[in-house]
Amino acid sequence: TMSKIQLTDMNGQSHILDAVEGWRVMEIIREHGFDVGGLCGGACACATCHVEVDGQWLEKLHPANDDEEAMLDTVPVLTDGSRLSCQIIFTPELDGLAVRLVANG
């Protein structure tokens, strides 16, 4: 069975997305037709793919590295769950991962 990501869009609507192991969460969201930014193509050189990860999932993610932390410092509204979706590689342990798109402009 296919793994899933639960995505909440900008309008608060919830969507269940099929997720491919080894893909960046940014790529999975984009593949399903959602605008998740990613202007730098996943090189951690912009913060346009900023998402908010649901708190229950944060400890399951690897910590943000220095480059990601530096980019997150540039987003207008930072929360405890703020991450760059290009820096989260989807693994089977993340089946059901809940993320929310946020306005980054």
C-alpha atoms as a PDB file:
ATOM      1  CA  THR A   1       0.000   0.000   0.000  1.00  0.00           C
ATOM      2  CA  MET A   2       1.095   3.529  -0.757  1.00  0.00           C
ATOM      3  CA  SER A   3       2.282   5.764   2.084  1.00  0.00           C
ATOM      4  CA  LYS A   4       0.376   8.999   2.687  1.00  0.00           C
ATOM      5  CA  ILE A   5       0.943  12.611   3.656  1.00  0.00           C
ATOM      6  CA  GLN A   6      -1.873  14.695   5.115  1.00  0.00           C
ATOM      7  CA  LEU A   7      -1.694  18.179   3.619  1.00  0.00           C
ATOM      8  CA  THR A   8      -3.692  21.176   4.792  1.00  0.00           C
ATOM      9  CA  ASP A   9      -3.858  23.788   2.036  1.00  0.00           C
ATOM     10  CA  MET A  10      -3.959  27.588   2.367  1.00  0.00           C
ATOM     11  CA  ASN A  11      -7.766  27.479   2.662  1.00  0.00           C
ATOM     12  CA  GLY A  12      -7.674  25.012   5.558  1.00  0.00           C
ATOM     13  CA  GLN A  13      -8.838  22.117   3.364  1.00  0.00           C
ATOM     14  CA  SER A  14      -7.322  18.730   4.167  1.00  0.00           C
ATOM     15  CA  HIS A  15      -5.955  16.469   1.416  1.00  0.00           C
ATOM     16  CA  ILE A  16      -4.469  12.965   1.577  1.00  0.00           C
ATOM     17  CA  LEU A  17      -1.539  12.648  -0.830  1.00  0.00           C
ATOM     18  CA  ASP A  18       0.188   9.493  -2.006  1.00  0.00           C
ATOM     19  CA  ALA A  19       3.830   9.722  -0.943  1.00  0.00           C
ATOM     20  CA  VAL A  20       6.859   8.118  -2.576  1.00  0.00           C
ATOM     21  CA  GLU A  21       9.698   6.913  -0.367  1.00  0.00           C
ATOM     22  CA  GLY A  22      12.925   8.812  -0.989  1.00  0.00           C
ATOM     23  CA  TRP A  23      11.214  11.878  -2.455  1.00  0.00           C
ATOM     24  CA  ARG A  24      11.433  15.300  -0.829  1.00  0.00           C
ATOM     25  CA  VAL A  25       8.143  16.304   0.793  1.00  0.00           C
ATOM     26  CA  MET A  26       8.263  19.405  -1.433  1.00  0.00           C
ATOM     27  CA  GLU A  27       8.307  17.192  -4.554  1.00  0.00           C
ATOM     28  CA  ILE A  28       5.406  15.074  -3.289  1.00  0.00           C
ATOM     29  CA  ILE A  29       3.264  18.148  -2.613  1.00  0.00           C
ATOM     30  CA  ARG A  30       4.141  19.681  -5.997  1.00  0.00           C
ATOM     31  CA  GLU A  31       3.456  16.394  -7.827  1.00  0.00           C
ATOM     32  CA  HIS A  32      -0.133  16.582  -6.532  1.00  0.00           C
ATOM     33  CA  GLY A  33      -0.597  20.036  -8.054  1.00  0.00           C
ATOM     34  CA  PHE A  34      -0.171  22.239  -4.996  1.00  0.00           C
ATOM     35  CA  ASP A  35       1.916  25.386  -5.093  1.00  0.00           C
ATOM     36  CA  VAL A  36       4.599  24.726  -2.497  1.00  0.00           C
ATOM     37  CA  GLY A  37       7.164  27.175  -3.839  1.00  0.00           C
ATOM     38  CA  GLY A  38      10.574  25.574  -4.165  1.00  0.00           C
ATOM     39  CA  LEU A  39      11.981  28.292  -6.400  1.00  0.00           C
ATOM     40  CA  CYS A  40      15.556  27.074  -5.817  1.00  0.00           C
ATOM     41  CA  GLY A  41      14.633  23.512  -6.808  1.00  0.00           C
ATOM     42  CA  GLY A  42      15.314  22.021  -3.398  1.00  0.00           C
ATOM     43  CA  ALA A  43      18.837  23.347  -2.906  1.00  0.00           C
ATOM     44  CA  CYS A  44      17.967  24.940   0.462  1.00  0.00           C
ATOM     45  CA  ALA A  45      18.762  28.347  -1.074  1.00  0.00           C
ATOM     46  CA  CYS A  46      15.347  29.961  -0.573  1.00  0.00           C
ATOM     47  CA  ALA A  47      12.540  29.542   1.938  1.00  0.00           C
ATOM     48  CA  THR A  48       9.602  29.395  -0.495  1.00  0.00           C
ATOM     49  CA  CYS A  49       8.820  25.743   0.350  1.00  0.00           C
ATOM     50  CA  HIS A  50       8.325  26.566   4.048  1.00  0.00           C
ATOM     51  CA  VAL A  51       5.624  24.380   5.622  1.00  0.00           C
ATOM     52  CA  GLU A  52       4.371  23.887   9.142  1.00  0.00           C
ATOM     53  CA  VAL A  53       4.801  20.322  10.385  1.00  0.00           C
ATOM     54  CA  ASP A  54       2.222  19.086  12.892  1.00  0.00           C
ATOM     55  CA  GLY A  55       3.795  18.955  16.357  1.00  0.00           C
ATOM     56  CA  GLN A  56       3.351  15.204  16.825  1.00  0.00           C
ATOM     57  CA  TRP A  57       5.653  14.586  13.843  1.00  0.00           C
ATOM     58  CA  LEU A  58       8.507  16.924  14.742  1.00  0.00           C
ATOM     59  CA  GLU A  59      10.509  14.427  16.788  1.00  0.00           C
ATOM     60  CA  LYS A  60      10.304  11.909  13.929  1.00  0.00           C
ATOM     61  CA  LEU A  61      12.115  14.306  11.576  1.00  0.00           C
ATOM     62  CA  HIS A  62      15.869  14.784  11.472  1.00  0.00           C
ATOM     63  CA  PRO A  63      16.751  18.182  12.973  1.00  0.00           C
ATOM     64  CA  ALA A  64      17.150  21.142  10.637  1.00  0.00           C
ATOM     65  CA  ASN A  65      20.780  21.689   9.603  1.00  0.00           C
ATOM     66  CA  ASP A  66      22.524  25.082   9.722  1.00  0.00           C
ATOM     67  CA  ASP A  67      21.601  25.929   6.114  1.00  0.00           C
ATOM     68  CA  GLU A  68      17.917  25.191   6.724  1.00  0.00           C
ATOM     69  CA  GLU A  69      17.953  27.160  10.004  1.00  0.00           C
ATOM     70  CA  ALA A  70      19.488  30.143   8.186  1.00  0.00           C
ATOM     71  CA  MET A  71      16.806  30.017   5.477  1.00  0.00           C
ATOM     72  CA  LEU A  72      14.014  29.639   8.051  1.00  0.00           C
ATOM     73  CA  ASP A  73      15.257  32.836   9.690  1.00  0.00           C
ATOM     74  CA  THR A  74      14.095  34.666   6.532  1.00  0.00           C
ATOM     75  CA  VAL A  75      10.421  33.569   6.624  1.00  0.00           C
ATOM     76  CA  PRO A  76       7.845  36.150   7.758  1.00  0.00           C
ATOM     77  CA  VAL A  77       6.126  33.952  10.369  1.00  0.00           C
ATOM     78  CA  LEU A  78       8.093  31.200  12.073  1.00  0.00           C
ATOM     79  CA  THR A  79       6.445  28.560  14.277  1.00  0.00           C
ATOM     80  CA  ASP A  80       7.783  25.605  16.263  1.00  0.00           C
ATOM     81  CA  GLY A  81       6.759  23.377  13.361  1.00  0.00           C
ATOM     82  CA  SER A  82       8.362  25.474  10.615  1.00  0.00           C
ATOM     83  CA  ARG A  83      10.508  23.416   8.236  1.00  0.00           C
ATOM     84  CA  LEU A  84      11.580  23.610   4.600  1.00  0.00           C
ATOM     85  CA  SER A  85       9.730  20.837   2.786  1.00  0.00           C
ATOM     86  CA  CYS A  86      12.702  20.338   0.429  1.00  0.00           C
ATOM     87  CA  GLN A  87      14.774  19.221   3.417  1.00  0.00           C
ATOM     88  CA  ILE A  88      12.394  16.482   4.575  1.00  0.00           C
ATOM     89  CA  ILE A  89      13.042  13.207   2.750  1.00  0.00           C
ATOM     90  CA  PHE A  90       9.986  10.962   2.925  1.00  0.00           C
ATOM     91  CA  THR A  91      10.593   7.617   4.653  1.00  0.00           C
ATOM     92  CA  PRO A  92       8.172   4.837   5.659  1.00  0.00           C
ATOM     93  CA  GLU A  93       8.373   6.123   9.259  1.00  0.00           C
ATOM     94  CA  LEU A  94       6.720   9.335   8.053  1.00  0.00           C
ATOM     95  CA  ASP A  95       3.596   7.579   6.714  1.00  0.00           C
ATOM     96  CA  GLY A  96       0.716   9.871   7.705  1.00  0.00           C
ATOM     97  CA  LEU A  97       2.933  12.955   8.097  1.00  0.00           C
ATOM     98  CA  ALA A  98       0.773  16.049   8.592  1.00  0.00           C
ATOM     99  CA  VAL A  99       1.952  19.353   7.096  1.00  0.00           C
ATOM    100  CA  ARG A 100       0.282  22.678   6.427  1.00  0.00           C
ATOM    101  CA  LEU A 101       1.050  25.051   3.570  1.00  0.00           C
ATOM    102  CA  VAL A 102       1.748  28.565   4.784  1.00  0.00           C
ATOM    103  CA  ALA A 103       1.859  31.914   2.999  1.00  0.00           C
ATOM    104  CA  ASN A 104       5.504  32.754   2.436  1.00  0.00           C
ATOM    105  CA  GLY A 105       5.114  36.032   0.615  1.00  0.00           C
END
